[in-house]
Amino acid sequence: MRSALLTLELARSRDRMSHCEEIVQRGFKELGALINNLNSVRNAVKDDVEVVCSPPVPYLDWTRSLLRKDIDIGAQNVWLSTNGAYTGEYTADMLKDVGVNWVILGHSERRHLPELKESDDTIAMKTVQALKAGLKVVLCVGETLEERESGKTLSVITRQLLSVATRVPSKSFENIVIAYEPVWAIGTGKTATPDQAQDVHSYIRKWVSNAVGQEMADNIRIVYGGSVNPENAKELKGQTDIDGFLVGGASLKASSFLNIVDTSLKLKSSRVDKARAPAIVPGQKPGIDWGALVRYVSATSVQFGLLASFLYGLDYVVAYYQADISTRFVALLFGFLSLRSRMFSIMDNSRPKPNKHDPVFQRKKPWWTPPPLTFPIVWSGVAVLRALSTTIAYVASGEKFFSVPLLAMVAHLSIGDTWNTINNVEKRMGTALLGVLAVLGSAAAVAYTYYLTHPLAGALLSPTVGWIAIATLLIGEIYRLNNKDGSISLLPRKGEATAKWRVPFTSFTK
């Protein structure tokens, strides 16, 4: 990057960037005329603005030899692997050999043209290879009109960024410029309004803050690319989180493109007062939702009380009728409760939950995350072990339902149901981490109580404790990976806690 990055008046180290993207396959004559026009303007490019031109690949070396040195050269694509038998492709090392320093990846046309249809994974692999070779990457992200109208804009952006973030080290983002390209505004004459563009750019910066870190979010450049022209550049450039442009059609005329560069220069000082405040202000504590904490604890206590009363009632009925309860009934009962004890819960777990289109549901995960099918299989096994161990504890306790070991089990189930509801409905990693720690602690306490009652009962519960410990490590690591800026609170904050009470044995939807 240019030394001017360190001298900006804004409270972040981001220079302005204009990217000249030659998307039309122009011949030597036309491209040569454009280069001559760019070269003829004196002092057109200042240190405050970094300019990159990306001609079609056959003209890269020729363009580099003719174009003024204060304008850098970029490619429009690269191969996703190193050298090998890939006829017709060119690698990142080849681009470096001809003086290329930048590459555009994930352009909307390469993502959506039916002849290409590049996936998020393909673009991520190309990004890895480009960064390894020392190229800087303009990473394009953006949604189609259908995705915007269905409210999936942020989900699409998150998915596209996440695919790259899970493959490259956090430090590599120093060499990435993110370009927001609303697909519906490319080549159509339509442009996202300044507010629409700012909303997405602001979200991208916040996402980088969580996933990579606040310092990187403050310095990374996020440019806009969607039918940019000299007329709309000024309005867009005035937005706090728009750091430049990825210019398509307007770059075909040197005068239009240089007007956009000039706009970037003139607006440098006008944005000082709009500098974005840091995500966390030193000394400022987030507002804790104490009402939500009371709601969580109360819900757990009430559910435990209902389950304990149920066990007491069973003992009363058995004694009154002098019934002989079979161990099979006990096993079936606690196997059922292990899976469906939330019927006794007063936390509403039936409300609409975040789905795959919700950006908060899409997070960076460690490489060792088990496949999704693992969880229902393992929890089914946990239910069986709970049923068997509880049956042994029941017999060892004098065949009493209302006994210390069985009460410990229903307390553990109550804690687990409250945590499960909060995690499913709210999808907040901070509370999820605290909750699973409580579940782990209660599981260990139950296993110890069962062991004191009968060693075999405790031994059968050991795998359950082990599995919950693995789940705790997993959630803790996900929390760490997605909270680089420290903005995700362990305790529920005001406005975030959405899990509500309900009447037991009923279901409500919002």
Protein backbone atom coordinates (compact mmCIF):
# COMPACT_ATOMS: atom_id res chain seq x y z
CA MET A 1 0.00 0.00 0.00
CA ARG A 2 1.04 3.62 -0.45
CA SER A 3 2.64 5.58 2.33
CA ALA A 4 -0.34 7.97 2.18
CA LEU A 5 -2.28 5.32 4.08
CA LEU A 6 -0.65 6.59 7.23
CA THR A 7 -1.36 10.29 6.69
CA LEU A 8 -5.11 10.39 6.27
CA GLU A 9 -7.14 12.67 8.45
CA LEU A 10 -9.72 9.96 9.05
CA ALA A 11 -9.56 7.80 12.14
CA ARG A 12 -8.56 4.74 10.15
CA SER A 13 -5.78 3.78 7.75
CA ARG A 14 -7.70 3.36 4.51
CA ASP A 15 -6.71 5.12 1.32
CA ARG A 16 -9.11 5.73 -1.53
CA MET A 17 -9.16 3.24 -4.33
CA SER A 18 -10.40 3.48 -7.90
CA HIS A 19 -10.26 0.28 -9.92
CA CYS A 20 -10.42 0.57 -13.69
CA GLU A 21 -12.00 -2.67 -14.86
CA GLU A 22 -11.85 -3.27 -18.61
CA ILE A 23 -14.69 -5.73 -18.94
CA VAL A 24 -15.01 -5.43 -22.71
CA GLN A 25 -12.57 -7.37 -24.88
CA ARG A 26 -11.07 -4.34 -26.63
CA GLY A 27 -8.46 -4.48 -29.37
CA PHE A 28 -4.99 -2.97 -29.35
CA LYS A 29 -6.15 0.16 -31.14
CA GLU A 30 -8.96 1.06 -28.75
CA LEU A 31 -7.04 0.07 -25.63
CA GLY A 32 -4.00 1.95 -26.86
CA ALA A 33 -6.09 5.10 -27.27
CA LEU A 34 -7.37 4.75 -23.71
CA ILE A 35 -3.82 4.29 -22.37
CA ASN A 36 -2.63 7.37 -24.28
CA ASN A 37 -5.45 9.43 -22.78
CA LEU A 38 -4.59 8.27 -19.27
CA ASN A 39 -0.89 8.95 -19.83
CA SER A 40 -1.50 12.43 -21.23
CA VAL A 41 -3.08 13.86 -18.08
CA ARG A 42 -0.45 15.31 -15.74
CA ASN A 43 -0.65 14.68 -12.03
CA ALA A 44 -3.95 12.83 -12.51
CA VAL A 45 -3.18 10.32 -9.78
CA LYS A 46 -2.17 11.39 -6.29
CA ASP A 47 -0.78 9.33 -3.44
CA ASP A 48 -4.15 9.66 -1.70
CA VAL A 49 -5.80 7.46 -4.32
CA GLU A 50 -4.55 4.09 -5.49
CA VAL A 51 -5.55 3.34 -9.07
CA VAL A 52 -5.52 -0.11 -10.67
CA CYS A 53 -6.46 -0.99 -14.27
CA SER A 54 -7.42 -4.53 -15.25
CA PRO A 55 -7.38 -5.15 -19.00
CA PRO A 56 -8.13 -8.55 -20.57
CA VAL A 57 -5.31 -11.03 -20.03
CA PRO A 58 -3.88 -10.94 -23.62
CA TYR A 59 -3.10 -7.25 -23.12
CA LEU A 60 -1.66 -7.36 -19.60
CA ASP A 61 2.05 -7.32 -20.47
CA TRP A 62 1.55 -4.80 -23.29
CA THR A 63 -0.52 -2.50 -21.05
CA ARG A 64 2.08 -2.66 -18.29
CA SER A 65 4.80 -1.62 -20.74
CA LEU A 66 2.87 1.46 -21.89
CA LEU A 67 0.77 2.64 -18.97
CA ARG A 68 2.05 5.29 -16.58
CA LYS A 69 3.77 3.84 -13.52
CA ASP A 70 1.51 5.50 -10.96
CA ILE A 71 -1.36 3.28 -12.17
CA ASP A 72 -1.05 -0.36 -11.19
CA ILE A 73 -2.08 -3.39 -13.24
CA GLY A 74 -4.58 -6.10 -12.31
CA ALA A 75 -5.96 -9.25 -13.91
CA GLN A 76 -9.61 -10.22 -14.17
CA ASN A 77 -9.16 -13.86 -13.19
CA VAL A 78 -6.62 -16.50 -12.14
CA TRP A 79 -6.47 -20.29 -11.92
CA LEU A 80 -7.32 -21.95 -8.61
CA SER A 81 -4.20 -24.11 -8.37
CA THR A 82 -0.46 -24.01 -8.98
CA ASN A 83 1.29 -24.94 -12.21
CA GLY A 84 0.12 -28.17 -13.81
CA ALA A 85 -1.72 -29.68 -16.77
CA TYR A 86 -4.46 -27.04 -16.97
CA THR A 87 -4.50 -26.09 -20.65
CA GLY A 88 -5.82 -22.60 -21.27
CA GLU A 89 -5.51 -21.43 -17.68
CA TYR A 90 -2.94 -19.12 -16.12
CA THR A 91 -1.65 -19.19 -12.55
CA ALA A 92 -0.95 -16.45 -10.06
CA ASP A 93 2.81 -16.93 -10.52
CA MET A 94 2.42 -16.31 -14.25
CA LEU A 95 0.63 -13.03 -13.53
CA LYS A 96 3.43 -11.95 -11.21
CA ASP A 97 5.98 -12.73 -13.95
CA VAL A 98 4.40 -10.13 -16.25
CA GLY A 99 4.23 -7.41 -13.60
CA VAL A 100 0.67 -7.89 -12.38
CA ASN A 101 0.08 -7.02 -8.71
CA TRP A 102 -3.72 -7.29 -8.46
CA VAL A 103 -6.49 -9.69 -9.48
CA ILE A 104 -10.28 -9.37 -9.47
CA LEU A 105 -11.98 -12.48 -8.08
CA GLY A 106 -15.64 -13.32 -7.60
CA HIS A 107 -16.88 -10.82 -10.19
CA SER A 108 -20.65 -11.09 -10.59
CA GLU A 109 -20.33 -12.26 -14.19
CA ARG A 110 -18.04 -15.11 -13.20
CA ARG A 111 -20.41 -16.05 -10.40
CA HIS A 112 -23.62 -15.92 -12.44
CA LEU A 113 -22.97 -16.40 -16.17
CA PRO A 114 -24.34 -19.88 -16.99
CA GLU A 115 -21.15 -20.72 -18.90
CA LEU A 116 -19.02 -20.06 -15.79
CA LYS A 117 -21.08 -20.34 -12.57
CA GLU A 118 -18.09 -20.09 -10.23
CA SER A 119 -18.99 -21.24 -6.72
CA ASP A 120 -18.00 -19.63 -3.43
CA ASP A 121 -15.51 -22.46 -2.90
CA THR A 122 -13.91 -21.93 -6.32
CA ILE A 123 -13.48 -18.22 -5.65
CA ALA A 124 -12.05 -18.94 -2.22
CA MET A 125 -9.49 -21.37 -3.67
CA LYS A 126 -8.46 -18.81 -6.27
CA THR A 127 -8.07 -16.23 -3.51
CA VAL A 128 -5.76 -18.56 -1.60
CA GLN A 129 -3.53 -19.09 -4.63
CA ALA A 130 -3.42 -15.39 -5.47
CA LEU A 131 -2.41 -14.39 -1.96
CA LYS A 132 0.23 -17.11 -1.77
CA ALA A 133 1.82 -15.75 -4.96
CA GLY A 134 1.92 -12.23 -3.55
CA LEU A 135 -1.00 -10.80 -5.52
CA LYS A 136 -3.48 -8.42 -3.93
CA VAL A 137 -7.12 -9.41 -4.37
CA VAL A 138 -10.23 -7.41 -5.16
CA LEU A 139 -12.83 -9.80 -3.75
CA CYS A 140 -16.27 -9.13 -5.24
CA VAL A 141 -19.44 -9.95 -3.30
CA GLY A 142 -23.05 -9.08 -3.99
CA GLU A 143 -26.63 -10.23 -4.31
CA THR A 144 -29.04 -10.65 -7.22
CA LEU A 145 -32.32 -8.73 -7.48
CA GLU A 146 -34.25 -11.83 -6.41
CA GLU A 147 -32.04 -12.26 -3.34
CA ARG A 148 -32.42 -8.60 -2.37
CA GLU A 149 -36.19 -8.65 -2.73
CA SER A 150 -36.44 -11.80 -0.61
CA GLY A 151 -34.39 -10.22 2.19
CA LYS A 152 -31.30 -12.40 1.69
CA THR A 153 -28.75 -9.66 0.93
CA LEU A 154 -26.78 -9.95 4.16
CA SER A 155 -27.00 -13.75 4.11
CA VAL A 156 -25.48 -13.88 0.62
CA ILE A 157 -22.72 -11.42 1.55
CA THR A 158 -21.92 -13.40 4.70
CA ARG A 159 -21.79 -16.70 2.82
CA GLN A 160 -19.43 -15.31 0.19
CA LEU A 161 -17.09 -13.71 2.75
CA LEU A 162 -17.15 -16.73 5.04
CA SER A 163 -15.98 -19.05 2.27
CA VAL A 164 -12.79 -17.00 1.94
CA ALA A 165 -12.31 -16.26 5.65
CA THR A 166 -12.28 -19.96 6.52
CA ARG A 167 -9.41 -20.59 4.08
CA VAL A 168 -7.02 -17.68 4.53
CA PRO A 169 -5.21 -16.44 7.66
CA SER A 170 -6.64 -13.31 9.25
CA LYS A 171 -3.48 -11.37 8.41
CA SER A 172 -4.06 -12.03 4.70
CA PHE A 173 -6.97 -9.59 4.75
CA GLU A 174 -4.31 -6.86 4.62
CA ASN A 175 -4.01 -7.74 0.93
CA ILE A 176 -7.72 -7.99 0.20
CA VAL A 177 -10.03 -5.21 -0.97
CA ILE A 178 -13.71 -6.13 -0.73
CA ALA A 179 -15.87 -4.88 -3.59
CA TYR A 180 -19.62 -4.78 -3.04
CA GLU A 181 -21.32 -5.42 -6.39
CA PRO A 182 -25.12 -5.47 -6.24
CA VAL A 183 -25.68 -7.71 -9.26
CA TRP A 184 -28.93 -5.95 -10.09
CA ALA A 185 -27.04 -2.66 -10.52
CA ILE A 186 -24.30 -3.84 -12.89
CA GLY A 187 -24.66 -2.81 -16.51
CA THR A 188 -28.32 -1.97 -15.94
CA GLY A 189 -28.00 1.75 -15.36
CA LYS A 190 -29.40 1.24 -11.88
CA THR A 191 -27.34 2.16 -8.85
CA ALA A 192 -27.84 1.30 -5.22
CA THR A 193 -28.81 4.44 -3.34
CA PRO A 194 -26.10 5.87 -1.10
CA ASP A 195 -28.00 4.60 1.95
CA GLN A 196 -28.42 1.11 0.48
CA ALA A 197 -24.73 0.89 -0.37
CA GLN A 198 -23.68 2.28 3.03
CA ASP A 199 -25.86 -0.23 4.87
CA VAL A 200 -24.15 -3.16 3.15
CA HIS A 201 -20.65 -1.65 3.44
CA SER A 202 -21.24 -1.00 7.13
CA TYR A 203 -22.38 -4.60 7.61
CA ILE A 204 -19.29 -5.91 5.80
CA ARG A 205 -17.00 -3.85 8.02
CA LYS A 206 -18.77 -5.08 11.15
CA TRP A 207 -18.50 -8.67 9.89
CA VAL A 208 -14.76 -8.25 9.32
CA SER A 209 -14.51 -6.79 12.82
CA ASN A 210 -16.11 -9.89 14.34
CA ALA A 211 -14.39 -12.46 12.13
CA VAL A 212 -10.93 -10.94 11.73
CA GLY A 213 -10.54 -8.16 14.27
CA GLN A 214 -11.29 -4.48 14.86
CA GLU A 215 -7.91 -3.24 13.62
CA MET A 216 -8.34 -5.05 10.32
CA ALA A 217 -11.90 -3.75 9.98
CA ASP A 218 -10.69 -0.19 10.52
CA ASN A 219 -8.07 -0.52 7.77
CA ILE A 220 -9.63 -2.75 5.14
CA ARG A 221 -10.92 -0.99 2.02
CA ILE A 222 -14.48 -1.71 0.92
CA VAL A 223 -15.24 -0.33 -2.54
CA TYR A 224 -18.51 -0.07 -4.45
CA GLY A 225 -19.01 -1.44 -7.95
CA GLY A 226 -22.39 -1.04 -9.60
CA SER A 227 -22.84 1.29 -12.60
CA VAL A 228 -20.50 3.90 -11.11
CA ASN A 229 -20.20 7.10 -13.09
CA PRO A 230 -18.90 10.63 -12.38
CA GLU A 231 -22.39 11.82 -11.43
CA ASN A 232 -23.19 9.23 -8.74
CA ALA A 233 -19.61 8.82 -7.50
CA LYS A 234 -19.77 11.97 -5.41
CA GLU A 235 -22.88 10.88 -3.47
CA LEU A 236 -21.58 7.37 -2.95
CA LYS A 237 -18.13 8.56 -1.94
CA GLY A 238 -19.62 10.68 0.83
CA GLN A 239 -20.68 7.56 2.72
CA THR A 240 -18.55 6.66 5.74
CA ASP A 241 -17.76 3.07 4.77
CA ILE A 242 -17.29 3.44 1.00
CA ASP A 243 -13.57 3.65 0.28
CA GLY A 244 -13.50 3.72 -3.52
CA PHE A 245 -14.98 2.19 -6.63
CA LEU A 246 -14.73 -0.79 -8.94
CA VAL A 247 -15.44 1.00 -12.23
CA GLY A 248 -16.72 -0.84 -15.30
CA GLY A 249 -18.29 1.01 -18.21
CA ALA A 250 -17.19 4.46 -17.04
CA SER A 251 -13.55 3.36 -17.24
CA LEU A 252 -13.78 3.00 -21.02
CA LYS A 253 -13.53 6.78 -21.31
CA ALA A 254 -10.41 8.27 -19.75
CA SER A 255 -12.18 11.54 -18.96
CA SER A 256 -14.99 9.79 -17.04
CA PHE A 257 -12.60 7.61 -15.13
CA LEU A 258 -10.31 10.49 -14.18
CA ASN A 259 -13.34 12.47 -13.01
CA ILE A 260 -14.11 9.64 -10.58
CA VAL A 261 -10.49 9.67 -9.37
CA ASP A 262 -10.75 13.44 -8.89
CA THR A 263 -13.96 12.99 -6.92
CA SER A 264 -12.14 10.63 -4.55
CA LEU A 265 -9.45 13.27 -3.96
CA LYS A 266 -11.85 16.15 -3.35
CA LEU A 267 -13.92 14.23 -0.84
CA LYS A 268 -10.99 13.09 1.29
CA SER A 269 -11.24 15.93 3.78
CA SER A 270 -15.04 16.24 3.76
CA ARG A 271 -15.47 12.91 5.52
CA VAL A 272 -13.38 13.56 8.61
CA ASP A 273 -16.44 14.28 10.74
CA LYS A 274 -18.13 11.12 9.51
CA ALA A 275 -15.45 8.72 10.71
CA ARG A 276 -17.06 5.66 12.16
CA ALA A 277 -16.91 5.24 15.91
CA PRO A 278 -15.21 2.06 17.10
CA ALA A 279 -17.46 -0.91 17.85
CA ILE A 280 -16.51 -0.78 21.52
CA VAL A 281 -15.79 2.50 23.28
CA PRO A 282 -13.13 2.11 26.00
CA GLY A 283 -14.68 2.31 29.45
CA GLN A 284 -18.23 1.88 28.13
CA LYS A 285 -20.03 -1.20 29.43
CA PRO A 286 -22.80 -2.77 27.34
CA GLY A 287 -26.23 -2.71 28.93
CA ILE A 288 -26.96 -6.12 30.47
CA ASP A 289 -30.54 -7.37 30.22
CA TRP A 290 -31.05 -8.42 33.83
CA GLY A 291 -34.69 -9.18 33.13
CA ALA A 292 -33.62 -11.82 30.60
CA LEU A 293 -31.25 -13.42 33.13
CA VAL A 294 -34.08 -13.58 35.68
CA ARG A 295 -36.31 -15.08 32.98
CA TYR A 296 -33.74 -17.78 32.16
CA VAL A 297 -33.13 -18.75 35.79
CA SER A 298 -36.83 -18.68 36.64
CA ALA A 299 -37.69 -20.84 33.66
CA THR A 300 -35.10 -23.43 34.70
CA SER A 301 -36.37 -23.43 38.30
CA VAL A 302 -40.02 -23.78 37.30
CA GLN A 303 -39.27 -26.62 34.89
CA PHE A 304 -37.28 -28.41 37.59
CA GLY A 305 -40.19 -27.91 39.99
CA LEU A 306 -42.67 -29.40 37.51
CA LEU A 307 -40.47 -32.42 36.81
CA ALA A 308 -39.77 -32.96 40.51
CA SER A 309 -43.51 -32.78 41.23
CA PHE A 310 -44.10 -35.32 38.47
CA LEU A 311 -41.61 -37.72 40.06
CA TYR A 312 -43.16 -37.17 43.50
CA GLY A 313 -46.58 -37.90 42.01
CA LEU A 314 -45.30 -41.14 40.49
CA ASP A 315 -44.01 -42.28 43.87
CA TYR A 316 -47.36 -41.39 45.47
CA VAL A 317 -49.37 -43.33 42.87
CA VAL A 318 -47.10 -46.36 43.08
CA ALA A 319 -47.32 -46.40 46.89
CA TYR A 320 -51.10 -45.83 46.94
CA TYR A 321 -51.83 -48.66 44.52
CA GLN A 322 -48.88 -50.78 45.71
CA ALA A 323 -47.94 -51.14 42.07
CA ASP A 324 -44.86 -52.98 40.89
CA ILE A 325 -42.93 -50.76 38.45
CA SER A 326 -40.80 -52.58 35.93
CA THR A 327 -37.32 -51.33 35.08
CA ARG A 328 -38.40 -51.24 31.42
CA PHE A 329 -40.96 -48.56 32.29
CA VAL A 330 -38.28 -46.51 34.07
CA ALA A 331 -35.92 -46.82 31.12
CA LEU A 332 -38.61 -45.80 28.62
CA LEU A 333 -39.76 -42.92 30.82
CA PHE A 334 -36.31 -41.35 31.18
CA GLY A 335 -35.42 -42.08 27.60
CA PHE A 336 -38.51 -40.10 26.62
CA LEU A 337 -37.74 -37.30 29.10
CA SER A 338 -34.18 -37.11 27.83
CA LEU A 339 -35.55 -36.28 24.39
CA ARG A 340 -38.79 -34.46 25.24
CA SER A 341 -38.38 -32.93 28.71
CA ARG A 342 -38.88 -29.50 27.13
CA MET A 343 -42.64 -30.20 27.33
CA PHE A 344 -42.26 -29.16 30.97
CA SER A 345 -40.36 -25.99 30.01
CA ILE A 346 -41.84 -22.51 30.27
CA MET A 347 -39.38 -21.23 27.64
CA ASP A 348 -40.95 -20.92 24.19
CA ASN A 349 -38.85 -23.09 21.88
CA SER A 350 -41.48 -23.15 19.13
CA ARG A 351 -40.94 -19.61 17.85
CA PRO A 352 -39.44 -19.07 14.36
CA LYS A 353 -35.72 -19.75 14.50
CA PRO A 354 -32.85 -18.36 12.43
CA ASN A 355 -32.33 -20.41 9.27
CA LYS A 356 -29.61 -20.79 6.68
CA HIS A 357 -30.58 -17.42 5.18
CA ASP A 358 -29.99 -15.58 8.45
CA PRO A 359 -26.47 -14.04 8.42
CA VAL A 360 -26.08 -14.50 12.17
CA PHE A 361 -26.43 -18.26 11.61
CA GLN A 362 -23.41 -18.29 9.29
CA ARG A 363 -20.18 -18.31 11.29
CA LYS A 364 -16.56 -19.28 11.01
CA LYS A 365 -16.08 -22.74 12.47
CA PRO A 366 -12.96 -24.71 13.40
CA TRP A 367 -11.73 -27.36 11.00
CA TRP A 368 -12.62 -30.14 13.43
CA THR A 369 -16.34 -29.29 13.57
CA PRO A 370 -18.29 -32.59 13.28
CA PRO A 371 -20.62 -32.97 10.29
CA PRO A 372 -24.28 -31.99 11.01
CA LEU A 373 -25.51 -35.60 10.97
CA THR A 374 -23.24 -36.36 13.94
CA PHE A 375 -25.33 -34.35 16.40
CA PRO A 376 -28.72 -36.16 16.17
CA ILE A 377 -26.96 -39.53 16.17
CA VAL A 378 -24.87 -38.74 19.24
CA TRP A 379 -27.75 -37.15 21.16
CA SER A 380 -29.87 -40.26 20.48
CA GLY A 381 -27.07 -42.34 22.00
CA VAL A 382 -26.92 -39.95 24.95
CA ALA A 383 -30.67 -40.48 25.53
CA VAL A 384 -30.15 -44.26 25.64
CA LEU A 385 -27.26 -43.96 28.12
CA ARG A 386 -29.27 -41.59 30.32
CA ALA A 387 -32.16 -44.05 30.34
CA LEU A 388 -29.97 -47.04 31.27
CA SER A 389 -27.98 -45.19 33.93
CA THR A 390 -31.14 -43.70 35.48
CA THR A 391 -32.76 -47.15 35.64
CA ILE A 392 -29.74 -48.46 37.58
CA ALA A 393 -29.80 -45.39 39.85
CA TYR A 394 -33.54 -45.88 40.42
CA VAL A 395 -33.05 -49.47 41.56
CA ALA A 396 -30.01 -48.57 43.68
CA SER A 397 -32.04 -45.79 45.39
CA GLY A 398 -34.65 -48.18 46.69
CA GLU A 399 -36.87 -47.86 43.63
CA LYS A 400 -37.81 -44.27 44.41
CA PHE A 401 -38.47 -41.71 41.69
CA PHE A 402 -38.23 -38.80 44.12
CA SER A 403 -34.60 -39.46 45.03
CA VAL A 404 -31.39 -37.45 44.93
CA PRO A 405 -29.91 -39.02 41.77
CA LEU A 406 -33.14 -38.76 39.75
CA LEU A 407 -33.75 -35.20 40.94
CA ALA A 408 -30.19 -34.37 39.85
CA MET A 409 -31.01 -35.76 36.40
CA VAL A 410 -34.17 -33.65 35.96
CA ALA A 411 -32.25 -30.58 37.14
CA HIS A 412 -29.67 -31.29 34.41
CA LEU A 413 -32.44 -31.73 31.83
CA SER A 414 -34.04 -28.44 32.90
CA ILE A 415 -30.77 -26.53 32.51
CA GLY A 416 -30.23 -28.15 29.11
CA ASP A 417 -33.71 -27.24 27.86
CA THR A 418 -33.35 -23.59 28.85
CA TRP A 419 -29.94 -23.40 27.16
CA ASN A 420 -31.27 -25.16 24.05
CA THR A 421 -34.15 -22.70 23.75
CA ILE A 422 -31.91 -19.63 24.10
CA ASN A 423 -29.40 -21.06 21.63
CA ASN A 424 -32.03 -22.04 19.05
CA VAL A 425 -34.16 -18.92 19.23
CA GLU A 426 -31.53 -16.23 19.78
CA LYS A 427 -28.39 -17.65 18.13
CA ARG A 428 -26.06 -15.53 20.29
CA MET A 429 -22.70 -17.17 20.81
CA GLY A 430 -21.96 -15.45 24.13
CA THR A 431 -25.02 -16.75 25.95
CA ALA A 432 -24.62 -20.09 24.16
CA LEU A 433 -21.14 -20.46 25.64
CA LEU A 434 -22.29 -19.63 29.18
CA GLY A 435 -25.27 -21.95 28.79
CA VAL A 436 -23.29 -24.96 27.59
CA LEU A 437 -20.85 -24.47 30.47
CA ALA A 438 -23.83 -24.73 32.85
CA VAL A 439 -25.00 -27.87 31.02
CA LEU A 440 -21.52 -29.38 31.30
CA GLY A 441 -21.32 -28.61 35.02
CA SER A 442 -24.72 -30.13 35.70
CA ALA A 443 -23.88 -33.25 33.65
CA ALA A 444 -20.69 -33.76 35.66
CA ALA A 445 -22.65 -33.33 38.91
CA VAL A 446 -25.24 -35.93 37.81
CA ALA A 447 -22.53 -38.40 36.78
CA TYR A 448 -20.85 -38.00 40.17
CA THR A 449 -24.17 -38.45 42.02
CA TYR A 450 -24.95 -41.55 39.97
CA TYR A 451 -21.49 -42.93 40.67
CA LEU A 452 -22.05 -42.56 44.41
CA THR A 453 -25.37 -44.35 44.02
CA HIS A 454 -23.98 -47.14 41.83
CA PRO A 455 -20.60 -47.12 40.03
CA LEU A 456 -22.08 -48.60 36.84
CA ALA A 457 -24.67 -45.80 36.63
CA GLY A 458 -21.91 -43.20 36.84
CA ALA A 459 -19.80 -45.04 34.27
CA LEU A 460 -22.68 -45.12 31.79
CA LEU A 461 -23.01 -41.34 32.05
CA SER A 462 -19.31 -40.69 31.43
CA PRO A 463 -19.64 -40.63 27.60
CA THR A 464 -22.43 -38.05 27.99
CA VAL A 465 -20.14 -35.77 29.98
CA GLY A 466 -17.40 -36.30 27.40
CA TRP A 467 -19.67 -35.38 24.51
CA ILE A 468 -20.95 -32.24 26.23
CA ALA A 469 -17.32 -31.30 26.97
CA ILE A 470 -16.55 -31.58 23.23
CA ALA A 471 -19.62 -29.44 22.46
CA THR A 472 -18.40 -26.87 24.99
CA LEU A 473 -14.97 -26.72 23.33
CA LEU A 474 -16.61 -26.37 19.92
CA ILE A 475 -18.89 -23.51 20.97
CA GLY A 476 -16.01 -21.82 22.77
CA GLU A 477 -13.86 -21.97 19.64
CA ILE A 478 -16.69 -20.68 17.43
CA TYR A 479 -17.19 -17.83 19.90
CA ARG A 480 -13.46 -17.00 19.74
CA LEU A 481 -13.27 -17.14 15.94
CA ASN A 482 -16.28 -14.85 15.50
CA ASN A 483 -15.54 -12.38 18.28
CA LYS A 484 -12.16 -10.97 17.30
CA ASP A 485 -13.32 -7.45 18.19
CA GLY A 486 -14.72 -8.49 21.59
CA SER A 487 -18.16 -7.09 20.82
CA ILE A 488 -20.13 -10.27 21.58
CA SER A 489 -21.09 -10.23 25.24
CA LEU A 490 -21.27 -13.39 27.33
CA LEU A 491 -24.33 -11.98 29.11
CA PRO A 492 -27.51 -11.01 27.22
CA ARG A 493 -27.62 -7.33 26.32
CA LYS A 494 -30.72 -5.19 26.05
CA GLY A 495 -32.52 -5.68 22.78
CA GLU A 496 -30.89 -9.06 22.09
CA ALA A 497 -32.71 -11.47 24.42
CA THR A 498 -35.76 -12.68 22.50
CA ALA A 499 -36.56 -16.03 24.16
CA LYS A 500 -39.89 -15.67 25.97
CA TRP A 501 -41.97 -17.63 28.45
CA ARG A 502 -44.86 -19.88 27.50
CA VAL A 503 -47.44 -22.04 29.27
CA PRO A 504 -46.05 -25.57 29.73
CA PHE A 505 -47.38 -28.34 27.43
CA THR A 506 -48.46 -25.79 24.80
CA SER A 507 -46.86 -24.26 21.74
CA PHE A 508 -47.03 -20.67 20.57
CA THR A 509 -45.59 -19.13 17.43
CA LYS A 510 -44.73 -15.49 16.99
